[in-house]
Structure formats: structure tokens, C-alpha cells
Amino acid sequence: MKNIKIEKRIRLHRKIRSRISGTESRPRLTVFRSNEYIYAQLINDDTSVTLASANDLKIKGKTKTERAQEVGNAIAELAKKANITSVVFDRSGFKYGGRVKALADAARAAGLNF
């Protein structure tokens, strides 16, 4: 039996994805949050290609929120290298708060527009 919270998040993610999609000029910044780590990807949905990705698997000795901020900074730097200034934010059904918000705020502060 699946967890009801996970089913609800997946249902919300499908609803969000039906409304947003990324293009080459404005890719989708998607976030996945596990219990221990956080992952971010820039995706062009027209060609189904991941343009850049970042995670906190190798960052040690910091809180989860601080690691999420570093991932936000890292994904923004990778976007700059790929000449991407504007993205569509996809929270993947997670509540916009805590680590998800920290990642988004750090990416905005590093120069991404969304």
C-alpha cells in the first residue's frame, strides 16, 4: 500500500505538469526533494532533454536548507553558462516552503528569473 502523502504529491505533480512546460529559451526548473537530498534540473520539454542538473549528494556538514541554497546557486551558475536567464519553476507537487523555497530564492538571487 502506497503512502497517501506520496500519492497526493504525484497527483499534484501531474496537475502542475499539465499546465507548464519548458522550452529551449525558457526551460523548466524542476525540483525533487527526498528525505535526505535535493535535486534540481533544467529541462527542455520540446526535445525532452536535460540541459543542466545539480544536487547536494557531495555537500557535507551543513543543514538541509543550506545545502538546498547551494544547489540553487549551482543550478543558476550552470544556467548562466548555458546562456539561460529565464526559467519556469516546477515544484513537482512539493509545498513551496522550506528547502524548495530556499533553492528557489537562491536561484533567483544568483540571477535566474522566474
PDB file of N, CA and C in Angstrom:
ATOM      1  N   MET A   1       0.837  -1.181   0.000  1.00  0.00           N
ATOM      2  CA  MET A   1       0.000   0.000   0.000  1.00  0.00           C
ATOM      3  C   MET A   1       0.878   1.240   0.000  1.00  0.00           C
ATOM      4  N   LYS A   2       0.624   2.141  -0.968  1.00  0.00           N
ATOM      5  CA  LYS A   2       1.402   3.363  -1.078  1.00  0.00           C
ATOM      6  C   LYS A   2       0.989   4.361  -0.013  1.00  0.00           C
ATOM      7  N   ASN A   3       1.907   5.226   0.287  1.00  0.00           N
ATOM      8  CA  ASN A   3       1.641   6.286   1.233  1.00  0.00           C
ATOM      9  C   ASN A   3       0.697   7.323   0.606  1.00  0.00           C
ATOM     10  N   ILE A   4      -0.299   7.765   1.326  1.00  0.00           N
ATOM     11  CA  ILE A   4      -1.279   8.718   0.803  1.00  0.00           C
ATOM     12  C   ILE A   4      -0.616  10.052   0.468  1.00  0.00           C
ATOM     13  N   LYS A   5       0.369  10.477   1.273  1.00  0.00           N
ATOM     14  CA  LYS A   5       1.057  11.736   1.006  1.00  0.00           C
ATOM     15  C   LYS A   5       1.795  11.681  -0.326  1.00  0.00           C
ATOM     16  N   ILE A   6       2.433  10.540  -0.613  1.00  0.00           N
ATOM     17  CA  ILE A   6       3.166  10.394  -1.863  1.00  0.00           C
ATOM     18  C   ILE A   6       2.194  10.401  -3.036  1.00  0.00           C
ATOM     19  N   GLU A   7       1.081   9.692  -2.908  1.00  0.00           N
ATOM     20  CA  GLU A   7       0.074   9.681  -3.974  1.00  0.00           C
ATOM     21  C   GLU A   7      -0.456  11.082  -4.239  1.00  0.00           C
ATOM     22  N   LYS A   8      -0.698  11.846  -3.183  1.00  0.00           N
ATOM     23  CA  LYS A   8      -1.192  13.214  -3.342  1.00  0.00           C
ATOM     24  C   LYS A   8      -0.166  14.081  -4.060  1.00  0.00           C
ATOM     25  N   ARG A   9       1.119  13.944  -3.687  1.00  0.00           N
ATOM     26  CA  ARG A   9       2.163  14.729  -4.342  1.00  0.00           C
ATOM     27  C   ARG A   9       2.274  14.376  -5.816  1.00  0.00           C
ATOM     28  N   ILE A  10       2.185  13.104  -6.139  1.00  0.00           N
ATOM     29  CA  ILE A  10       2.260  12.680  -7.540  1.00  0.00           C
ATOM     30  C   ILE A  10       1.066  13.220  -8.322  1.00  0.00           C
ATOM     31  N   ARG A  11      -0.117  13.182  -7.717  1.00  0.00           N
ATOM     32  CA  ARG A  11      -1.309  13.730  -8.374  1.00  0.00           C
ATOM     33  C   ARG A  11      -1.148  15.232  -8.621  1.00  0.00           C
ATOM     34  N   LEU A  12      -0.649  15.956  -7.630  1.00  0.00           N
ATOM     35  CA  LEU A  12      -0.413  17.386  -7.791  1.00  0.00           C
ATOM     36  C   LEU A  12       0.640  17.647  -8.867  1.00  0.00           C
ATOM     37  N   HIS A  13       1.692  16.822  -8.898  1.00  0.00           N
ATOM     38  CA  HIS A  13       2.734  16.984  -9.898  1.00  0.00           C
ATOM     39  C   HIS A  13       2.171  16.829 -11.313  1.00  0.00           C
ATOM     40  N   ARG A  14       1.318  15.844 -11.506  1.00  0.00           N
ATOM     41  CA  ARG A  14       0.695  15.655 -12.822  1.00  0.00           C
ATOM     42  C   ARG A  14      -0.154  16.863 -13.211  1.00  0.00           C
ATOM     43  N   LYS A  15      -0.872  17.413 -12.245  1.00  0.00           N
ATOM     44  CA  LYS A  15      -1.713  18.588 -12.499  1.00  0.00           C
ATOM     45  C   LYS A  15      -0.853  19.803 -12.879  1.00  0.00           C
ATOM     46  N   ILE A  16       0.236  19.990 -12.152  1.00  0.00           N
ATOM     47  CA  ILE A  16       1.144  21.099 -12.445  1.00  0.00           C
ATOM     48  C   ILE A  16       1.764  20.923 -13.827  1.00  0.00           C
ATOM     49  N   ARG A  17       2.211  19.698 -14.136  1.00  0.00           N
ATOM     50  CA  ARG A  17       2.865  19.431 -15.419  1.00  0.00           C
ATOM     51  C   ARG A  17       1.923  19.577 -16.601  1.00  0.00           C
ATOM     52  N   SER A  18       0.620  19.428 -16.373  1.00  0.00           N
ATOM     53  CA  SER A  18      -0.319  19.621 -17.480  1.00  0.00           C
ATOM     54  C   SER A  18      -0.407  21.098 -17.863  1.00  0.00           C
ATOM     55  N   ARG A  19       0.017  21.977 -16.974  1.00  0.00           N
ATOM     56  CA  ARG A  19      -0.106  23.414 -17.214  1.00  0.00           C
ATOM     57  C   ARG A  19       1.210  24.090 -17.595  1.00  0.00           C
ATOM     58  N   ILE A  20       2.333  23.513 -17.237  1.00  0.00           N
ATOM     59  CA  ILE A  20       3.608  24.164 -17.542  1.00  0.00           C
ATOM     60  C   ILE A  20       4.503  23.230 -18.341  1.00  0.00           C
ATOM     61  N   SER A  21       5.359  23.824 -19.165  1.00  0.00           N
ATOM     62  CA  SER A  21       6.372  23.062 -19.873  1.00  0.00           C
ATOM     63  C   SER A  21       7.513  24.009 -20.214  1.00  0.00           C
ATOM     64  N   GLY A  22       8.690  23.448 -20.367  1.00  0.00           N
ATOM     65  CA  GLY A  22       9.865  24.246 -20.663  1.00  0.00           C
ATOM     66  C   GLY A  22      10.189  24.217 -22.133  1.00  0.00           C
ATOM     67  N   THR A  23      10.785  25.298 -22.605  1.00  0.00           N
ATOM     68  CA  THR A  23      11.235  25.398 -23.988  1.00  0.00           C
ATOM     69  C   THR A  23      12.745  25.601 -23.979  1.00  0.00           C
ATOM     70  N   GLU A  24      13.325  25.726 -25.166  1.00  0.00           N
ATOM     71  CA  GLU A  24      14.770  25.930 -25.234  1.00  0.00           C
ATOM     72  C   GLU A  24      15.161  27.286 -24.660  1.00  0.00           C
ATOM     73  N   SER A  25      14.351  28.304 -24.945  1.00  0.00           N
ATOM     74  CA  SER A  25      14.671  29.641 -24.444  1.00  0.00           C
ATOM     75  C   SER A  25      14.283  29.819 -22.979  1.00  0.00           C
ATOM     76  N   ARG A  26      13.258  29.085 -22.515  1.00  0.00           N
ATOM     77  CA  ARG A  26      12.808  29.178 -21.120  1.00  0.00           C
ATOM     78  C   ARG A  26      12.539  27.769 -20.591  1.00  0.00           C
ATOM     79  N   PRO A  27      13.591  27.069 -20.162  1.00  0.00           N
ATOM     80  CA  PRO A  27      13.418  25.687 -19.706  1.00  0.00           C
ATOM     81  C   PRO A  27      12.699  25.609 -18.362  1.00  0.00           C
ATOM     82  N   ARG A  28      12.308  24.399 -18.012  1.00  0.00           N
ATOM     83  CA  ARG A  28      11.614  24.136 -16.753  1.00  0.00           C
ATOM     84  C   ARG A  28      12.648  23.773 -15.695  1.00  0.00           C
ATOM     85  N   LEU A  29      12.622  24.506 -14.575  1.00  0.00           N
ATOM     86  CA  LEU A  29      13.473  24.193 -13.423  1.00  0.00           C
ATOM     87  C   LEU A  29      12.661  23.319 -12.489  1.00  0.00           C
ATOM     88  N   THR A  30      12.976  22.033 -12.473  1.00  0.00           N
ATOM     89  CA  THR A  30      12.224  21.093 -11.658  1.00  0.00           C
ATOM     90  C   THR A  30      13.032  20.694 -10.426  1.00  0.00           C
ATOM     91  N   VAL A  31      12.337  20.509  -9.319  1.00  0.00           N
ATOM     92  CA  VAL A  31      12.964  20.199  -8.038  1.00  0.00           C
ATOM     93  C   VAL A  31      12.435  18.858  -7.548  1.00  0.00           C
ATOM     94  N   PHE A  32      13.334  18.004  -7.073  1.00  0.00           N
ATOM     95  CA  PHE A  32      12.917  16.789  -6.386  1.00  0.00           C
ATOM     96  C   PHE A  32      13.556  16.797  -5.018  1.00  0.00           C
ATOM     97  N   ARG A  33      12.742  16.563  -3.998  1.00  0.00           N
ATOM     98  CA  ARG A  33      13.203  16.600  -2.612  1.00  0.00           C
ATOM     99  C   ARG A  33      12.971  15.228  -1.991  1.00  0.00           C
ATOM    100  N   SER A  34      14.064  14.575  -1.607  1.00  0.00           N
ATOM    101  CA  SER A  34      13.931  13.320  -0.869  1.00  0.00           C
ATOM    102  C   SER A  34      14.097  13.644   0.612  1.00  0.00           C
ATOM    103  N   ASN A  35      14.039  12.640   1.460  1.00  0.00           N
ATOM    104  CA  ASN A  35      14.211  12.880   2.891  1.00  0.00           C
ATOM    105  C   ASN A  35      15.604  13.412   3.212  1.00  0.00           C
ATOM    106  N   GLU A  36      16.585  13.024   2.418  1.00  0.00           N
ATOM    107  CA  GLU A  36      17.963  13.384   2.739  1.00  0.00           C
ATOM    108  C   GLU A  36      18.578  14.392   1.774  1.00  0.00           C
ATOM    109  N   TYR A  37      18.214  14.343   0.497  1.00  0.00           N
ATOM    110  CA  TYR A  37      18.872  15.159  -0.521  1.00  0.00           C
ATOM    111  C   TYR A  37      17.856  15.982  -1.302  1.00  0.00           C
ATOM    112  N   ILE A  38      18.391  16.905  -2.124  1.00  0.00           N
ATOM    113  CA  ILE A  38      17.547  17.698  -3.013  1.00  0.00           C
ATOM    114  C   ILE A  38      18.236  17.764  -4.378  1.00  0.00           C
ATOM    115  N   TYR A  39      17.450  17.704  -5.426  1.00  0.00           N
ATOM    116  CA  TYR A  39      17.947  17.668  -6.788  1.00  0.00           C
ATOM    117  C   TYR A  39      17.232  18.748  -7.605  1.00  0.00           C
ATOM    118  N   ALA A  40      17.938  19.350  -8.569  1.00  0.00           N
ATOM    119  CA  ALA A  40      17.334  20.341  -9.457  1.00  0.00           C
ATOM    120  C   ALA A  40      17.808  20.069 -10.882  1.00  0.00           C
ATOM    121  N   GLN A  41      16.895  20.258 -11.844  1.00  0.00           N
ATOM    122  CA  GLN A  41      17.228  20.043 -13.252  1.00  0.00           C
ATOM    123  C   GLN A  41      16.617  21.146 -14.089  1.00  0.00           C
ATOM    124  N   LEU A  42      17.302  21.518 -15.165  1.00  0.00           N
ATOM    125  CA  LEU A  42      16.749  22.393 -16.188  1.00  0.00           C
ATOM    126  C   LEU A  42      16.401  21.518 -17.381  1.00  0.00           C
ATOM    127  N   ILE A  43      15.128  21.503 -17.765  1.00  0.00           N
ATOM    128  CA  ILE A  43      14.648  20.569 -18.783  1.00  0.00           C
ATOM    129  C   ILE A  43      13.989  21.320 -19.923  1.00  0.00           C
ATOM    130  N   ASN A  44      14.358  20.964 -21.155  1.00  0.00           N
ATOM    131  CA  ASN A  44      13.685  21.441 -22.348  1.00  0.00           C
ATOM    132  C   ASN A  44      12.657  20.375 -22.727  1.00  0.00           C
ATOM    133  N   ASP A  45      11.378  20.671 -22.510  1.00  0.00           N
ATOM    134  CA  ASP A  45      10.337  19.675 -22.762  1.00  0.00           C
ATOM    135  C   ASP A  45      10.023  19.502 -24.242  1.00  0.00           C
ATOM    136  N   ASP A  46      10.417  20.454 -25.087  1.00  0.00           N
ATOM    137  CA  ASP A  46      10.181  20.302 -26.523  1.00  0.00           C
ATOM    138  C   ASP A  46      10.976  19.129 -27.079  1.00  0.00           C
ATOM    139  N   THR A  47      12.216  18.977 -26.601  1.00  0.00           N
ATOM    140  CA  THR A  47      13.067  17.897 -27.093  1.00  0.00           C
ATOM    141  C   THR A  47      13.320  16.831 -26.033  1.00  0.00           C
ATOM    142  N   SER A  48      12.734  16.978 -24.850  1.00  0.00           N
ATOM    143  CA  SER A  48      12.904  16.039 -23.729  1.00  0.00           C
ATOM    144  C   SER A  48      14.371  15.852 -23.366  1.00  0.00           C
ATOM    145  N   VAL A  49      15.078  16.974 -23.215  1.00  0.00           N
ATOM    146  CA  VAL A  49      16.499  16.941 -22.917  1.00  0.00           C
ATOM    147  C   VAL A  49      16.754  17.700 -21.610  1.00  0.00           C
ATOM    148  N   THR A  50      17.575  17.114 -20.758  1.00  0.00           N
ATOM    149  CA  THR A  50      18.020  17.801 -19.548  1.00  0.00           C
ATOM    150  C   THR A  50      19.220  18.662 -19.903  1.00  0.00           C
ATOM    151  N   LEU A  51      19.097  19.979 -19.693  1.00  0.00           N
ATOM    152  CA  LEU A  51      20.145  20.918 -20.061  1.00  0.00           C
ATOM    153  C   LEU A  51      21.206  21.042 -18.970  1.00  0.00           C
ATOM    154  N   ALA A  52      20.793  20.951 -17.717  1.00  0.00           N
ATOM    155  CA  ALA A  52      21.733  21.046 -16.597  1.00  0.00           C
ATOM    156  C   ALA A  52      21.097  20.401 -15.380  1.00  0.00           C
ATOM    157  N   SER A  53      21.932  19.947 -14.464  1.00  0.00           N
ATOM    158  CA  SER A  53      21.408  19.371 -13.226  1.00  0.00           C
ATOM    159  C   SER A  53      22.380  19.629 -12.089  1.00  0.00           C
ATOM    160  N   ALA A  54      21.832  19.692 -10.876  1.00  0.00           N
ATOM    161  CA  ALA A  54      22.649  19.888  -9.678  1.00  0.00           C
ATOM    162  C   ALA A  54      21.988  19.145  -8.523  1.00  0.00           C
ATOM    163  N   ASN A  55      22.797  18.725  -7.560  1.00  0.00           N
ATOM    164  CA  ASN A  55      22.272  18.057  -6.373  1.00  0.00           C
ATOM    165  C   ASN A  55      23.219  18.277  -5.209  1.00  0.00           C
ATOM    166  N   ASP A  56      22.824  17.820  -4.038  1.00  0.00           N
ATOM    167  CA  ASP A  56      23.640  18.029  -2.837  1.00  0.00           C
ATOM    168  C   ASP A  56      24.233  16.727  -2.303  1.00  0.00           C
ATOM    169  N   LEU A  57      24.460  15.768  -3.172  1.00  0.00           N
ATOM    170  CA  LEU A  57      24.977  14.475  -2.731  1.00  0.00           C
ATOM    171  C   LEU A  57      26.376  14.581  -2.131  1.00  0.00           C
ATOM    172  N   LYS A  58      27.200  15.516  -2.618  1.00  0.00           N
ATOM    173  CA  LYS A  58      28.584  15.615  -2.154  1.00  0.00           C
ATOM    174  C   LYS A  58      28.789  16.724  -1.130  1.00  0.00           C
ATOM    175  N   ILE A  59      27.751  17.480  -0.805  1.00  0.00           N
ATOM    176  CA  ILE A  59      27.876  18.560   0.170  1.00  0.00           C
ATOM    177  C   ILE A  59      27.662  17.978   1.560  1.00  0.00           C
ATOM    178  N   LYS A  60      28.633  18.141   2.420  1.00  0.00           N
ATOM    179  CA  LYS A  60      28.555  17.569   3.767  1.00  0.00           C
ATOM    180  C   LYS A  60      28.728  18.666   4.810  1.00  0.00           C
ATOM    181  N   GLY A  61      28.254  18.409   6.019  1.00  0.00           N
ATOM    182  CA  GLY A  61      28.500  19.291   7.137  1.00  0.00           C
ATOM    183  C   GLY A  61      27.621  20.520   7.218  1.00  0.00           C
ATOM    184  N   LYS A  62      26.514  20.538   6.505  1.00  0.00           N
ATOM    185  CA  LYS A  62      25.608  21.682   6.538  1.00  0.00           C
ATOM    186  C   LYS A  62      24.189  21.177   6.748  1.00  0.00           C
ATOM    187  N   THR A  63      23.300  22.098   7.082  1.00  0.00           N
ATOM    188  CA  THR A  63      21.904  21.709   7.237  1.00  0.00           C
ATOM    189  C   THR A  63      21.290  21.468   5.866  1.00  0.00           C
ATOM    190  N   LYS A  64      20.144  20.830   5.833  1.00  0.00           N
ATOM    191  CA  LYS A  64      19.472  20.544   4.567  1.00  0.00           C
ATOM    192  C   LYS A  64      19.104  21.825   3.840  1.00  0.00           C
ATOM    193  N   THR A  65      18.690  22.859   4.571  1.00  0.00           N
ATOM    194  CA  THR A  65      18.306  24.122   3.953  1.00  0.00           C
ATOM    195  C   THR A  65      19.523  24.819   3.350  1.00  0.00           C
ATOM    196  N   GLU A  66      20.638  24.798   4.034  1.00  0.00           N
ATOM    197  CA  GLU A  66      21.861  25.395   3.497  1.00  0.00           C
ATOM    198  C   GLU A  66      22.317  24.665   2.244  1.00  0.00           C
ATOM    199  N   ARG A  67      22.179  23.339   2.248  1.00  0.00           N
ATOM    200  CA  ARG A  67      22.542  22.564   1.058  1.00  0.00           C
ATOM    201  C   ARG A  67      21.608  22.894  -0.101  1.00  0.00           C
ATOM    202  N   ALA A  68      20.319  23.099   0.186  1.00  0.00           N
ATOM    203  CA  ALA A  68      19.371  23.468  -0.860  1.00  0.00           C
ATOM    204  C   ALA A  68      19.744  24.821  -1.468  1.00  0.00           C
ATOM    205  N   GLN A  69      20.208  25.757  -0.649  1.00  0.00           N
ATOM    206  CA  GLN A  69      20.639  27.059  -1.157  1.00  0.00           C
ATOM    207  C   GLN A  69      21.842  26.897  -2.075  1.00  0.00           C
ATOM    208  N   GLU A  70      22.767  26.035  -1.706  1.00  0.00           N
ATOM    209  CA  GLU A  70      23.929  25.794  -2.559  1.00  0.00           C
ATOM    210  C   GLU A  70      23.533  25.164  -3.889  1.00  0.00           C
ATOM    211  N   VAL A  71      22.547  24.269  -3.866  1.00  0.00           N
ATOM    212  CA  VAL A  71      22.063  23.664  -5.108  1.00  0.00           C
ATOM    213  C   VAL A  71      21.409  24.733  -5.983  1.00  0.00           C
ATOM    214  N   GLY A  72      20.656  25.661  -5.374  1.00  0.00           N
ATOM    215  CA  GLY A  72      20.061  26.767  -6.121  1.00  0.00           C
ATOM    216  C   GLY A  72      21.117  27.636  -6.780  1.00  0.00           C
ATOM    217  N   ASN A  73      22.183  27.947  -6.036  1.00  0.00           N
ATOM    218  CA  ASN A  73      23.281  28.724  -6.614  1.00  0.00           C
ATOM    219  C   ASN A  73      23.959  27.960  -7.747  1.00  0.00           C
ATOM    220  N   ALA A  74      24.159  26.664  -7.556  1.00  0.00           N
ATOM    221  CA  ALA A  74      24.835  25.846  -8.564  1.00  0.00           C
ATOM    222  C   ALA A  74      24.025  25.749  -9.849  1.00  0.00           C
ATOM    223  N   ILE A  75      22.707  25.556  -9.721  1.00  0.00           N
ATOM    224  CA  ILE A  75      21.885  25.435 -10.936  1.00  0.00           C
ATOM    225  C   ILE A  75      21.818  26.767 -11.673  1.00  0.00           C
ATOM    226  N   ALA A  76      21.846  27.881 -10.928  1.00  0.00           N
ATOM    227  CA  ALA A  76      21.851  29.199 -11.567  1.00  0.00           C
ATOM    228  C   ALA A  76      23.163  29.434 -12.310  1.00  0.00           C
ATOM    229  N   GLU A  77      24.276  29.004 -11.739  1.00  0.00           N
ATOM    230  CA  GLU A  77      25.566  29.144 -12.421  1.00  0.00           C
ATOM    231  C   GLU A  77      25.611  28.295 -13.690  1.00  0.00           C
ATOM    232  N   LEU A  78      25.094  27.078 -13.608  1.00  0.00           N
ATOM    233  CA  LEU A  78      25.052  26.221 -14.799  1.00  0.00           C
ATOM    234  C   LEU A  78      24.147  26.830 -15.873  1.00  0.00           C
ATOM    235  N   ALA A  79      23.066  27.462 -15.451  1.00  0.00           N
ATOM    236  CA  ALA A  79      22.168  28.117 -16.406  1.00  0.00           C
ATOM    237  C   ALA A  79      22.864  29.291 -17.083  1.00  0.00           C
ATOM    238  N   LYS A  80      23.623  30.056 -16.332  1.00  0.00           N
ATOM    239  CA  LYS A  80      24.363  31.181 -16.914  1.00  0.00           C
ATOM    240  C   LYS A  80      25.352  30.699 -17.964  1.00  0.00           C
ATOM    241  N   LYS A  81      26.036  29.589 -17.669  1.00  0.00           N
ATOM    242  CA  LYS A  81      26.993  29.035 -18.626  1.00  0.00           C
ATOM    243  C   LYS A  81      26.303  28.605 -19.916  1.00  0.00           C
ATOM    244  N   ALA A  82      25.039  28.186 -19.801  1.00  0.00           N
ATOM    245  CA  ALA A  82      24.272  27.754 -20.974  1.00  0.00           C
ATOM    246  C   ALA A  82      23.468  28.907 -21.582  1.00  0.00           C
ATOM    247  N   ASN A  83      23.734  30.141 -21.148  1.00  0.00           N
ATOM    248  CA  ASN A  83      23.046  31.350 -21.637  1.00  0.00           C
ATOM    249  C   ASN A  83      21.544  31.296 -21.398  1.00  0.00           C
ATOM    250  N   ILE A  84      21.134  30.813 -20.232  1.00  0.00           N
ATOM    251  CA  ILE A  84      19.729  30.762 -19.847  1.00  0.00           C
ATOM    252  C   ILE A  84      19.532  31.765 -18.719  1.00  0.00           C
ATOM    253  N   THR A  85      18.595  32.695 -18.918  1.00  0.00           N
ATOM    254  CA  THR A  85      18.344  33.706 -17.893  1.00  0.00           C
ATOM    255  C   THR A  85      16.960  33.576 -17.279  1.00  0.00           C
ATOM    256  N   SER A  86      16.045  32.934 -17.979  1.00  0.00           N
ATOM    257  CA  SER A  86      14.667  32.832 -17.517  1.00  0.00           C
ATOM    258  C   SER A  86      14.217  31.377 -17.542  1.00  0.00           C
ATOM    259  N   VAL A  87      13.516  30.950 -16.480  1.00  0.00           N
ATOM    260  CA  VAL A  87      13.051  29.566 -16.379  1.00  0.00           C
ATOM    261  C   VAL A  87      11.602  29.543 -15.897  1.00  0.00           C
ATOM    262  N   VAL A  88      10.973  28.375 -16.038  1.00  0.00           N
ATOM    263  CA  VAL A  88       9.652  28.106 -15.476  1.00  0.00           C
ATOM    264  C   VAL A  88       9.878  27.197 -14.275  1.00  0.00           C
ATOM    265  N   PHE A  89       9.383  27.583 -13.109  1.00  0.00           N
ATOM    266  CA  PHE A  89       9.651  26.817 -11.891  1.00  0.00           C
ATOM    267  C   PHE A  89       8.609  25.723 -11.715  1.00  0.00           C
ATOM    268  N   ASP A  90       9.079  24.495 -11.504  1.00  0.00           N
ATOM    269  CA  ASP A  90       8.228  23.335 -11.282  1.00  0.00           C
ATOM    270  C   ASP A  90       8.575  22.751  -9.919  1.00  0.00           C
ATOM    271  N   ARG A  91       7.678  22.918  -8.952  1.00  0.00           N
ATOM    272  CA  ARG A  91       7.953  22.442  -7.596  1.00  0.00           C
ATOM    273  C   ARG A  91       7.627  20.956  -7.438  1.00  0.00           C
ATOM    274  N   SER A  92       7.146  20.315  -8.472  1.00  0.00           N
ATOM    275  CA  SER A  92       6.906  18.866  -8.510  1.00  0.00           C
ATOM    276  C   SER A  92       5.928  18.379  -7.456  1.00  0.00           C
ATOM    277  N   GLY A  93       4.966  19.194  -7.097  1.00  0.00           N
ATOM    278  CA  GLY A  93       3.956  18.787  -6.135  1.00  0.00           C
ATOM    279  C   GLY A  93       4.358  18.994  -4.689  1.00  0.00           C
ATOM    280  N   PHE A  94       5.607  19.430  -4.452  1.00  0.00           N
ATOM    281  CA  PHE A  94       6.041  19.712  -3.091  1.00  0.00           C
ATOM    282  C   PHE A  94       5.527  21.085  -2.678  1.00  0.00           C
ATOM    283  N   LYS A  95       5.262  21.278  -1.387  1.00  0.00           N
ATOM    284  CA  LYS A  95       4.840  22.578  -0.898  1.00  0.00           C
ATOM    285  C   LYS A  95       5.969  23.580  -1.098  1.00  0.00           C
ATOM    286  N   TYR A  96       5.574  24.813  -1.448  1.00  0.00           N
ATOM    287  CA  TYR A  96       6.571  25.853  -1.660  1.00  0.00           C
ATOM    288  C   TYR A  96       6.954  26.433  -0.304  1.00  0.00           C
ATOM    289  N   GLY A  97       7.908  25.819   0.327  1.00  0.00           N
ATOM    290  CA  GLY A  97       8.377  26.243   1.637  1.00  0.00           C
ATOM    291  C   GLY A  97       9.593  25.432   1.992  1.00  0.00           C
ATOM    292  N   GLY A  98      10.300  25.817   3.018  1.00  0.00           N
ATOM    293  CA  GLY A  98      11.454  25.061   3.468  1.00  0.00           C
ATOM    294  C   GLY A  98      12.542  24.972   2.429  1.00  0.00           C
ATOM    295  N   ARG A  99      12.965  23.739   2.117  1.00  0.00           N
ATOM    296  CA  ARG A  99      14.083  23.534   1.195  1.00  0.00           C
ATOM    297  C   ARG A  99      13.750  23.926  -0.234  1.00  0.00           C
ATOM    298  N   VAL A 100      12.509  23.715  -0.658  1.00  0.00           N
ATOM    299  CA  VAL A 100      12.110  24.086  -2.021  1.00  0.00           C
ATOM    300  C   VAL A 100      12.188  25.602  -2.184  1.00  0.00           C
ATOM    301  N   LYS A 101      11.694  26.327  -1.207  1.00  0.00           N
ATOM    302  CA  LYS A 101      11.735  27.787  -1.239  1.00  0.00           C
ATOM    303  C   LYS A 101      13.174  28.292  -1.147  1.00  0.00           C
ATOM    304  N   ALA A 102      13.993  27.665  -0.331  1.00  0.00           N
ATOM    305  CA  ALA A 102      15.396  28.058  -0.200  1.00  0.00           C
ATOM    306  C   ALA A 102      16.130  27.897  -1.528  1.00  0.00           C
ATOM    307  N   LEU A 103      15.881  26.793  -2.225  1.00  0.00           N
ATOM    308  CA  LEU A 103      16.504  26.571  -3.524  1.00  0.00           C
ATOM    309  C   LEU A 103      16.043  27.628  -4.516  1.00  0.00           C
ATOM    310  N   ALA A 104      14.753  27.909  -4.554  1.00  0.00           N
ATOM    311  CA  ALA A 104      14.211  28.896  -5.494  1.00  0.00           C
ATOM    312  C   ALA A 104      14.752  30.291  -5.200  1.00  0.00           C
ATOM    313  N   ASP A 105      14.788  30.678  -3.938  1.00  0.00           N
ATOM    314  CA  ASP A 105      15.287  32.002  -3.576  1.00  0.00           C
ATOM    315  C   ASP A 105      16.765  32.150  -3.917  1.00  0.00           C
ATOM    316  N   ALA A 106      17.554  31.108  -3.692  1.00  0.00           N
ATOM    317  CA  ALA A 106      18.973  31.163  -4.014  1.00  0.00           C
ATOM    318  C   ALA A 106      19.189  31.262  -5.526  1.00  0.00           C
ATOM    319  N   ALA A 107      18.383  30.545  -6.301  1.00  0.00           N
ATOM    320  CA  ALA A 107      18.496  30.622  -7.760  1.00  0.00           C
ATOM    321  C   ALA A 107      18.122  32.013  -8.257  1.00  0.00           C
ATOM    322  N   ARG A 108      17.089  32.600  -7.662  1.00  0.00           N
ATOM    323  CA  ARG A 108      16.694  33.971  -8.029  1.00  0.00           C
ATOM    324  C   ARG A 108      17.806  34.959  -7.680  1.00  0.00           C
ATOM    325  N   ALA A 109      18.370  34.809  -6.485  1.00  0.00           N
ATOM    326  CA  ALA A 109      19.424  35.720  -6.039  1.00  0.00           C
ATOM    327  C   ALA A 109      20.673  35.602  -6.921  1.00  0.00           C
ATOM    328  N   ALA A 110      20.895  34.414  -7.488  1.00  0.00           N
ATOM    329  CA  ALA A 110      22.055  34.196  -8.362  1.00  0.00           C
ATOM    330  C   ALA A 110      21.802  34.632  -9.801  1.00  0.00           C
ATOM    331  N   GLY A 111      20.596  35.126 -10.091  1.00  0.00           N
ATOM    332  CA  GLY A 111      20.360  35.703 -11.409  1.00  0.00           C
ATOM    333  C   GLY A 111      19.322  35.060 -12.285  1.00  0.00           C
ATOM    334  N   LEU A 112      18.673  33.975 -11.857  1.00  0.00           N
ATOM    335  CA  LEU A 112      17.623  33.367 -12.674  1.00  0.00           C
ATOM    336  C   LEU A 112      16.311  34.122 -12.481  1.00  0.00           C
ATOM    337  N   ASN A 113      15.557  34.287 -13.555  1.00  0.00           N
ATOM    338  CA  ASN A 113      14.250  34.946 -13.488  1.00  0.00           C
ATOM    339  C   ASN A 113      13.143  33.915 -13.632  1.00  0.00           C
ATOM    340  N   PHE A 114      12.230  33.918 -12.659  1.00  0.00           N
ATOM    341  CA  PHE A 114      11.021  33.088 -12.746  1.00  0.00           C
ATOM    342  C   PHE A 114       9.997  33.566 -11.772  1.00  0.00           C
TER     343      PHE A 114
END
